[in-house]
Amino acid sequence: KALVELRTPETVSINAFHQMDDRWALMGD
């Protein structure tokens, strides 16, 4: 048999969205 014990890394995300006008929107993460 073969065995590997592991934990995948956690993530934290901070993001923003802004509708500038009827056509354009900007966003980031």
PDB file of all heavy atoms in Angstrom:
ATOM      1  N   LYS A   1       0.833  -1.185   0.000  1.00  0.00           N
ATOM      2  CA  LYS A   1       0.000   0.000   0.000  1.00  0.00           C
ATOM      3  C   LYS A   1       0.883   1.256   0.000  1.00  0.00           C
ATOM      4  O   LYS A   1       2.085   1.195   0.266  1.00  0.00           O
ATOM      5  CB  LYS A   1      -0.918   0.017   1.226  1.00  0.00           C
ATOM      6  CG  LYS A   1      -1.864  -1.168   1.305  1.00  0.00           C
ATOM      7  CD  LYS A   1      -2.843  -1.155   0.143  1.00  0.00           C
ATOM      8  CE  LYS A   1      -3.809  -2.321   0.237  1.00  0.00           C
ATOM      9  NZ  LYS A   1      -4.787  -2.317  -0.894  1.00  0.00           N
ATOM     10  N   ALA A   2       0.273   2.380  -0.303  1.00  0.00           N
ATOM     11  CA  ALA A   2       0.959   3.669  -0.227  1.00  0.00           C
ATOM     12  C   ALA A   2       0.023   4.665   0.447  1.00  0.00           C
ATOM     13  O   ALA A   2      -1.196   4.594   0.282  1.00  0.00           O
ATOM     14  CB  ALA A   2       1.349   4.158  -1.609  1.00  0.00           C
ATOM     15  N   LEU A   3       0.590   5.580   1.201  1.00  0.00           N
ATOM     16  CA  LEU A   3      -0.217   6.541   1.952  1.00  0.00           C
ATOM     17  C   LEU A   3       0.484   7.889   1.993  1.00  0.00           C
ATOM     18  O   LEU A   3       1.677   7.977   2.300  1.00  0.00           O
ATOM     19  CB  LEU A   3      -0.446   6.043   3.381  1.00  0.00           C
ATOM     20  CG  LEU A   3      -1.072   7.048   4.364  1.00  0.00           C
ATOM     21  CD1 LEU A   3      -2.506   7.380   3.942  1.00  0.00           C
ATOM     22  CD2 LEU A   3      -1.043   6.497   5.786  1.00  0.00           C
ATOM     23  N   VAL A   4      -0.266   8.935   1.679  1.00  0.00           N
ATOM     24  CA  VAL A   4       0.209  10.305   1.852  1.00  0.00           C
ATOM     25  C   VAL A   4      -0.882  11.097   2.557  1.00  0.00           C
ATOM     26  O   VAL A   4      -2.027  11.111   2.117  1.00  0.00           O
ATOM     27  CB  VAL A   4       0.545  10.979   0.507  1.00  0.00           C
ATOM     28  CG1 VAL A   4       0.868  12.451   0.726  1.00  0.00           C
ATOM     29  CG2 VAL A   4       1.715  10.291  -0.156  1.00  0.00           C
ATOM     30  N   GLU A   5      -0.528  11.725   3.660  1.00  0.00           N
ATOM     31  CA  GLU A   5      -1.450  12.597   4.377  1.00  0.00           C
ATOM     32  C   GLU A   5      -1.087  14.045   4.075  1.00  0.00           C
ATOM     33  O   GLU A   5       0.068  14.444   4.226  1.00  0.00           O
ATOM     34  CB  GLU A   5      -1.370  12.331   5.874  1.00  0.00           C
ATOM     35  CG  GLU A   5      -1.726  10.904   6.259  1.00  0.00           C
ATOM     36  CD  GLU A   5      -1.670  10.677   7.763  1.00  0.00           C
ATOM     37  OE1 GLU A   5      -2.359  11.429   8.490  1.00  0.00           O
ATOM     38  OE2 GLU A   5      -0.937   9.772   8.192  1.00  0.00           O
ATOM     39  N   LEU A   6      -2.076  14.815   3.656  1.00  0.00           N
ATOM     40  CA  LEU A   6      -1.807  16.201   3.310  1.00  0.00           C
ATOM     41  C   LEU A   6      -3.039  17.058   3.549  1.00  0.00           C
ATOM     42  O   LEU A   6      -4.148  16.547   3.698  1.00  0.00           O
ATOM     43  CB  LEU A   6      -1.361  16.327   1.847  1.00  0.00           C
ATOM     44  CG  LEU A   6      -2.320  15.851   0.759  1.00  0.00           C
ATOM     45  CD1 LEU A   6      -3.275  16.956   0.349  1.00  0.00           C
ATOM     46  CD2 LEU A   6      -1.557  15.343  -0.445  1.00  0.00           C
ATOM     47  N   ARG A   7      -2.828  18.358   3.564  1.00  0.00           N
ATOM     48  CA  ARG A   7      -3.914  19.330   3.645  1.00  0.00           C
ATOM     49  C   ARG A   7      -3.721  20.361   2.556  1.00  0.00           C
ATOM     50  O   ARG A   7      -2.644  20.950   2.426  1.00  0.00           O
ATOM     51  CB  ARG A   7      -3.939  20.020   5.013  1.00  0.00           C
ATOM     52  CG  ARG A   7      -4.371  19.128   6.163  1.00  0.00           C
ATOM     53  CD  ARG A   7      -4.412  19.907   7.462  1.00  0.00           C
ATOM     54  NE  ARG A   7      -5.419  20.969   7.409  1.00  0.00           N
ATOM     55  CZ  ARG A   7      -5.565  21.890   8.368  1.00  0.00           C
ATOM     56  NH1 ARG A   7      -4.753  21.877   9.416  1.00  0.00           N
ATOM     57  NH2 ARG A   7      -6.495  22.808   8.264  1.00  0.00           N
ATOM     58  N   THR A   8      -4.741  20.569   1.753  1.00  0.00           N
ATOM     59  CA  THR A   8      -4.670  21.594   0.735  1.00  0.00           C
ATOM     60  C   THR A   8      -4.675  22.969   1.400  1.00  0.00           C
ATOM     61  O   THR A   8      -5.257  23.138   2.475  1.00  0.00           O
ATOM     62  CB  THR A   8      -5.853  21.482  -0.236  1.00  0.00           C
ATOM     63  OG1 THR A   8      -7.073  21.675   0.489  1.00  0.00           O
ATOM     64  CG2 THR A   8      -5.869  20.118  -0.903  1.00  0.00           C
ATOM     65  N   PRO A   9      -4.057  23.963   0.810  1.00  0.00           N
ATOM     66  CA  PRO A   9      -3.972  25.278   1.456  1.00  0.00           C
ATOM     67  C   PRO A   9      -5.279  26.054   1.371  1.00  0.00           C
ATOM     68  O   PRO A   9      -6.006  25.986   0.380  1.00  0.00           O
ATOM     69  CB  PRO A   9      -2.867  25.976   0.669  1.00  0.00           C
ATOM     70  CG  PRO A   9      -2.899  25.327  -0.670  1.00  0.00           C
ATOM     71  CD  PRO A   9      -3.278  23.898  -0.433  1.00  0.00           C
ATOM     72  N   GLU A  10      -5.587  26.813   2.428  1.00  0.00           N
ATOM     73  CA  GLU A  10      -6.767  27.665   2.413  1.00  0.00           C
ATOM     74  C   GLU A  10      -6.466  28.959   1.665  1.00  0.00           C
ATOM     75  O   GLU A  10      -5.309  29.332   1.477  1.00  0.00           O
ATOM     76  CB  GLU A  10      -7.253  27.966   3.827  1.00  0.00           C
ATOM     77  CG  GLU A  10      -6.225  28.607   4.711  1.00  0.00           C
ATOM     78  CD  GLU A  10      -5.450  27.614   5.541  1.00  0.00           C
ATOM     79  OE1 GLU A  10      -4.892  26.647   4.983  1.00  0.00           O
ATOM     80  OE2 GLU A  10      -5.382  27.796   6.775  1.00  0.00           O
ATOM     81  N   THR A  11      -7.535  29.648   1.255  1.00  0.00           N
ATOM     82  CA  THR A  11      -7.390  30.911   0.535  1.00  0.00           C
ATOM     83  C   THR A  11      -8.303  31.975   1.145  1.00  0.00           C
ATOM     84  O   THR A  11      -9.373  31.662   1.680  1.00  0.00           O
ATOM     85  CB  THR A  11      -7.731  30.764  -0.954  1.00  0.00           C
ATOM     86  OG1 THR A  11      -9.112  30.378  -1.088  1.00  0.00           O
ATOM     87  CG2 THR A  11      -6.848  29.725  -1.623  1.00  0.00           C
ATOM     88  N   VAL A  12      -7.865  33.225   1.049  1.00  0.00           N
ATOM     89  CA  VAL A  12      -8.663  34.386   1.423  1.00  0.00           C
ATOM     90  C   VAL A  12      -8.625  35.366   0.254  1.00  0.00           C
ATOM     91  O   VAL A  12      -7.539  35.701  -0.237  1.00  0.00           O
ATOM     92  CB  VAL A  12      -8.143  35.069   2.697  1.00  0.00           C
ATOM     93  CG1 VAL A  12      -8.954  36.323   3.002  1.00  0.00           C
ATOM     94  CG2 VAL A  12      -8.187  34.105   3.879  1.00  0.00           C
ATOM     95  N   SER A  13      -9.805  35.813  -0.181  1.00  0.00           N
ATOM     96  CA  SER A  13      -9.894  36.735  -1.311  1.00  0.00           C
ATOM     97  C   SER A  13     -10.626  38.006  -0.895  1.00  0.00           C
ATOM     98  O   SER A  13     -11.643  37.950  -0.197  1.00  0.00           O
ATOM     99  CB  SER A  13     -10.628  36.092  -2.493  1.00  0.00           C
ATOM    100  OG  SER A  13      -9.941  34.960  -2.983  1.00  0.00           O
ATOM    101  N   ILE A  14     -10.107  39.130  -1.348  1.00  0.00           N
ATOM    102  CA  ILE A  14     -10.758  40.428  -1.177  1.00  0.00           C
ATOM    103  C   ILE A  14     -10.972  41.016  -2.563  1.00  0.00           C
ATOM    104  O   ILE A  14     -10.035  41.056  -3.380  1.00  0.00           O
ATOM    105  CB  ILE A  14      -9.903  41.377  -0.316  1.00  0.00           C
ATOM    106  CG1 ILE A  14      -9.693  40.780   1.082  1.00  0.00           C
ATOM    107  CG2 ILE A  14     -10.539  42.758  -0.220  1.00  0.00           C
ATOM    108  CD1 ILE A  14      -8.762  41.584   1.952  1.00  0.00           C
ATOM    109  N   ASN A  15     -12.203  41.446  -2.847  1.00  0.00           N
ATOM    110  CA  ASN A  15     -12.493  41.911  -4.192  1.00  0.00           C
ATOM    111  C   ASN A  15     -13.452  43.096  -4.171  1.00  0.00           C
ATOM    112  O   ASN A  15     -14.116  43.370  -3.160  1.00  0.00           O
ATOM    113  CB  ASN A  15     -13.046  40.772  -5.053  1.00  0.00           C
ATOM    114  CG  ASN A  15     -13.870  39.785  -4.252  1.00  0.00           C
ATOM    115  OD1 ASN A  15     -14.933  40.139  -3.737  1.00  0.00           O
ATOM    116  ND2 ASN A  15     -13.356  38.566  -4.097  1.00  0.00           N
ATOM    117  N   ALA A  16     -13.508  43.809  -5.310  1.00  0.00           N
ATOM    118  CA  ALA A  16     -14.351  44.991  -5.424  1.00  0.00           C
ATOM    119  C   ALA A  16     -14.886  45.097  -6.843  1.00  0.00           C
ATOM    120  O   ALA A  16     -14.257  44.618  -7.806  1.00  0.00           O
ATOM    121  CB  ALA A  16     -13.567  46.244  -5.062  1.00  0.00           C
ATOM    122  N   PHE A  17     -16.066  45.729  -6.965  1.00  0.00           N
ATOM    123  CA  PHE A  17     -16.707  45.948  -8.271  1.00  0.00           C
ATOM    124  C   PHE A  17     -17.315  47.341  -8.280  1.00  0.00           C
ATOM    125  O   PHE A  17     -17.963  47.751  -7.305  1.00  0.00           O
ATOM    126  CB  PHE A  17     -17.798  44.896  -8.501  1.00  0.00           C
ATOM    127  CG  PHE A  17     -18.580  45.098  -9.774  1.00  0.00           C
ATOM    128  CD1 PHE A  17     -18.154  44.522 -10.957  1.00  0.00           C
ATOM    129  CD2 PHE A  17     -19.744  45.853  -9.781  1.00  0.00           C
ATOM    130  CE1 PHE A  17     -18.865  44.699 -12.124  1.00  0.00           C
ATOM    131  CE2 PHE A  17     -20.469  46.036 -10.938  1.00  0.00           C
ATOM    132  CZ  PHE A  17     -20.028  45.462 -12.126  1.00  0.00           C
ATOM    133  N   HIS A  18     -17.102  48.067  -9.380  1.00  0.00           N
ATOM    134  CA  HIS A  18     -17.670  49.418  -9.491  1.00  0.00           C
ATOM    135  C   HIS A  18     -18.194  49.643 -10.910  1.00  0.00           C
ATOM    136  O   HIS A  18     -17.434  49.529 -11.885  1.00  0.00           O
ATOM    137  CB  HIS A  18     -16.617  50.474  -9.163  1.00  0.00           C
ATOM    138  CG  HIS A  18     -17.117  51.884  -9.318  1.00  0.00           C
ATOM    139  ND1 HIS A  18     -18.175  52.376  -8.582  1.00  0.00           N
ATOM    140  CD2 HIS A  18     -16.715  52.897 -10.129  1.00  0.00           C
ATOM    141  CE1 HIS A  18     -18.401  53.627  -8.929  1.00  0.00           C
ATOM    142  NE2 HIS A  18     -17.525  53.970  -9.870  1.00  0.00           N
ATOM    143  N   GLN A  19     -19.486  49.926 -11.018  1.00  0.00           N
ATOM    144  CA  GLN A  19     -20.102  50.263 -12.302  1.00  0.00           C
ATOM    145  C   GLN A  19     -19.902  51.760 -12.534  1.00  0.00           C
ATOM    146  O   GLN A  19     -20.528  52.606 -11.896  1.00  0.00           O
ATOM    147  CB  GLN A  19     -21.590  49.914 -12.281  1.00  0.00           C
ATOM    148  CG  GLN A  19     -22.283  50.039 -13.619  1.00  0.00           C
ATOM    149  CD  GLN A  19     -21.886  48.933 -14.580  1.00  0.00           C
ATOM    150  OE1 GLN A  19     -21.819  47.756 -14.200  1.00  0.00           O
ATOM    151  NE2 GLN A  19     -21.607  49.311 -15.828  1.00  0.00           N
ATOM    152  N   MET A  20     -19.008  52.097 -13.467  1.00  0.00           N
ATOM    153  CA  MET A  20     -18.642  53.494 -13.675  1.00  0.00           C
ATOM    154  C   MET A  20     -19.758  54.289 -14.357  1.00  0.00           C
ATOM    155  O   MET A  20     -20.040  55.426 -13.993  1.00  0.00           O
ATOM    156  CB  MET A  20     -17.359  53.569 -14.503  1.00  0.00           C
ATOM    157  CG  MET A  20     -16.162  52.916 -13.830  1.00  0.00           C
ATOM    158  SD  MET A  20     -14.675  53.030 -14.833  1.00  0.00           S
ATOM    159  CE  MET A  20     -14.440  54.805 -14.891  1.00  0.00           C
ATOM    160  N   ASP A  21     -20.364  53.694 -15.366  1.00  0.00           N
ATOM    161  CA  ASP A  21     -21.469  54.333 -16.079  1.00  0.00           C
ATOM    162  C   ASP A  21     -22.293  53.237 -16.737  1.00  0.00           C
ATOM    163  O   ASP A  21     -22.164  52.060 -16.379  1.00  0.00           O
ATOM    164  CB  ASP A  21     -20.953  55.365 -17.105  1.00  0.00           C
ATOM    165  CG  ASP A  21     -19.929  54.768 -18.076  1.00  0.00           C
ATOM    166  OD1 ASP A  21     -20.047  53.567 -18.428  1.00  0.00           O
ATOM    167  OD2 ASP A  21     -19.005  55.497 -18.488  1.00  0.00           O
ATOM    168  N   ASP A  22     -23.104  53.596 -17.702  1.00  0.00           N
ATOM    169  CA  ASP A  22     -23.975  52.607 -18.335  1.00  0.00           C
ATOM    170  C   ASP A  22     -23.199  51.552 -19.109  1.00  0.00           C
ATOM    171  O   ASP A  22     -23.730  50.463 -19.370  1.00  0.00           O
ATOM    172  CB  ASP A  22     -24.966  53.304 -19.275  1.00  0.00           C
ATOM    173  CG  ASP A  22     -25.988  54.133 -18.516  1.00  0.00           C
ATOM    174  OD1 ASP A  22     -26.148  53.879 -17.312  1.00  0.00           O
ATOM    175  OD2 ASP A  22     -26.603  55.028 -19.134  1.00  0.00           O
ATOM    176  N   ARG A  23     -21.962  51.837 -19.474  1.00  0.00           N
ATOM    177  CA  ARG A  23     -21.208  50.903 -20.313  1.00  0.00           C
ATOM    178  C   ARG A  23     -20.023  50.253 -19.595  1.00  0.00           C
ATOM    179  O   ARG A  23     -19.765  49.072 -19.758  1.00  0.00           O
ATOM    180  CB  ARG A  23     -20.704  51.616 -21.580  1.00  0.00           C
ATOM    181  CG  ARG A  23     -21.830  52.015 -22.538  1.00  0.00           C
ATOM    182  CD  ARG A  23     -21.256  52.606 -23.823  1.00  0.00           C
ATOM    183  NE  ARG A  23     -22.315  52.974 -24.764  1.00  0.00           N
ATOM    184  CZ  ARG A  23     -22.846  52.151 -25.656  1.00  0.00           C
ATOM    185  NH1 ARG A  23     -22.416  50.902 -25.719  1.00  0.00           N
ATOM    186  NH2 ARG A  23     -23.796  52.553 -26.472  1.00  0.00           N
ATOM    187  N   TRP A  24     -19.295  51.016 -18.792  1.00  0.00           N
ATOM    188  CA  TRP A  24     -18.038  50.523 -18.237  1.00  0.00           C
ATOM    189  C   TRP A  24     -18.170  50.115 -16.765  1.00  0.00           C
ATOM    190  O   TRP A  24     -18.834  50.774 -15.987  1.00  0.00           O
ATOM    191  CB  TRP A  24     -16.958  51.599 -18.337  1.00  0.00           C
ATOM    192  CG  TRP A  24     -16.445  51.832 -19.727  1.00  0.00           C
ATOM    193  CD1 TRP A  24     -16.843  52.813 -20.581  1.00  0.00           C
ATOM    194  CD2 TRP A  24     -15.443  51.082 -20.402  1.00  0.00           C
ATOM    195  NE1 TRP A  24     -16.154  52.726 -21.764  1.00  0.00           N
ATOM    196  CE2 TRP A  24     -15.281  51.657 -21.677  1.00  0.00           C
ATOM    197  CE3 TRP A  24     -14.669  49.969 -20.068  1.00  0.00           C
ATOM    198  CZ2 TRP A  24     -14.379  51.177 -22.617  1.00  0.00           C
ATOM    199  CZ3 TRP A  24     -13.762  49.478 -21.000  1.00  0.00           C
ATOM    200  CH2 TRP A  24     -13.623  50.078 -22.255  1.00  0.00           C
ATOM    201  N   ALA A  25     -17.485  49.004 -16.438  1.00  0.00           N
ATOM    202  CA  ALA A  25     -17.370  48.558 -15.044  1.00  0.00           C
ATOM    203  C   ALA A  25     -15.925  48.133 -14.790  1.00  0.00           C
ATOM    204  O   ALA A  25     -15.277  47.547 -15.663  1.00  0.00           O
ATOM    205  CB  ALA A  25     -18.315  47.403 -14.756  1.00  0.00           C
ATOM    206  N   LEU A  26     -15.430  48.430 -13.605  1.00  0.00           N
ATOM    207  CA  LEU A  26     -14.087  48.033 -13.192  1.00  0.00           C
ATOM    208  C   LEU A  26     -14.178  47.093 -12.000  1.00  0.00           C
ATOM    209  O   LEU A  26     -15.096  47.203 -11.184  1.00  0.00           O
ATOM    210  CB  LEU A  26     -13.247  49.256 -12.815  1.00  0.00           C
ATOM    211  CG  LEU A  26     -12.911  50.246 -13.934  1.00  0.00           C
ATOM    212  CD1 LEU A  26     -12.121  51.418 -13.362  1.00  0.00           C
ATOM    213  CD2 LEU A  26     -12.123  49.560 -15.042  1.00  0.00           C
ATOM    214  N   MET A  27     -13.220  46.192 -11.898  1.00  0.00           N
ATOM    215  CA  MET A  27     -13.229  45.227 -10.796  1.00  0.00           C
ATOM    216  C   MET A  27     -11.806  44.772 -10.497  1.00  0.00           C
ATOM    217  O   MET A  27     -10.907  44.887 -11.341  1.00  0.00           O
ATOM    218  CB  MET A  27     -14.123  44.037 -11.132  1.00  0.00           C
ATOM    219  CG  MET A  27     -13.666  43.240 -12.346  1.00  0.00           C
ATOM    220  SD  MET A  27     -15.018  42.317 -13.114  1.00  0.00           S
ATOM    221  CE  MET A  27     -15.876  43.636 -13.979  1.00  0.00           C
ATOM    222  N   GLY A  28     -11.589  44.267  -9.289  1.00  0.00           N
ATOM    223  CA  GLY A  28     -10.275  43.774  -8.916  1.00  0.00           C
ATOM    224  C   GLY A  28     -10.366  42.729  -7.819  1.00  0.00           C
ATOM    225  O   GLY A  28     -11.376  42.631  -7.108  1.00  0.00           O
ATOM    226  N   ASP A  29      -9.308  41.952  -7.687  1.00  0.00           N
ATOM    227  CA  ASP A  29      -9.280  40.861  -6.697  1.00  0.00           C
ATOM    228  C   ASP A  29      -7.844  40.645  -6.226  1.00  0.00           C
ATOM    229  O   ASP A  29      -6.895  40.689  -7.019  1.00  0.00           O
ATOM    230  CB  ASP A  29      -9.818  39.564  -7.314  1.00  0.00           C
ATOM    231  CG  ASP A  29      -9.789  38.404  -6.339  1.00  0.00           C
ATOM    232  OD1 ASP A  29      -8.733  37.739  -6.249  1.00  0.00           O
ATOM    233  OD2 ASP A  29     -10.803  38.160  -5.685  1.00  0.00           O
TER     234      ASP A  29
END
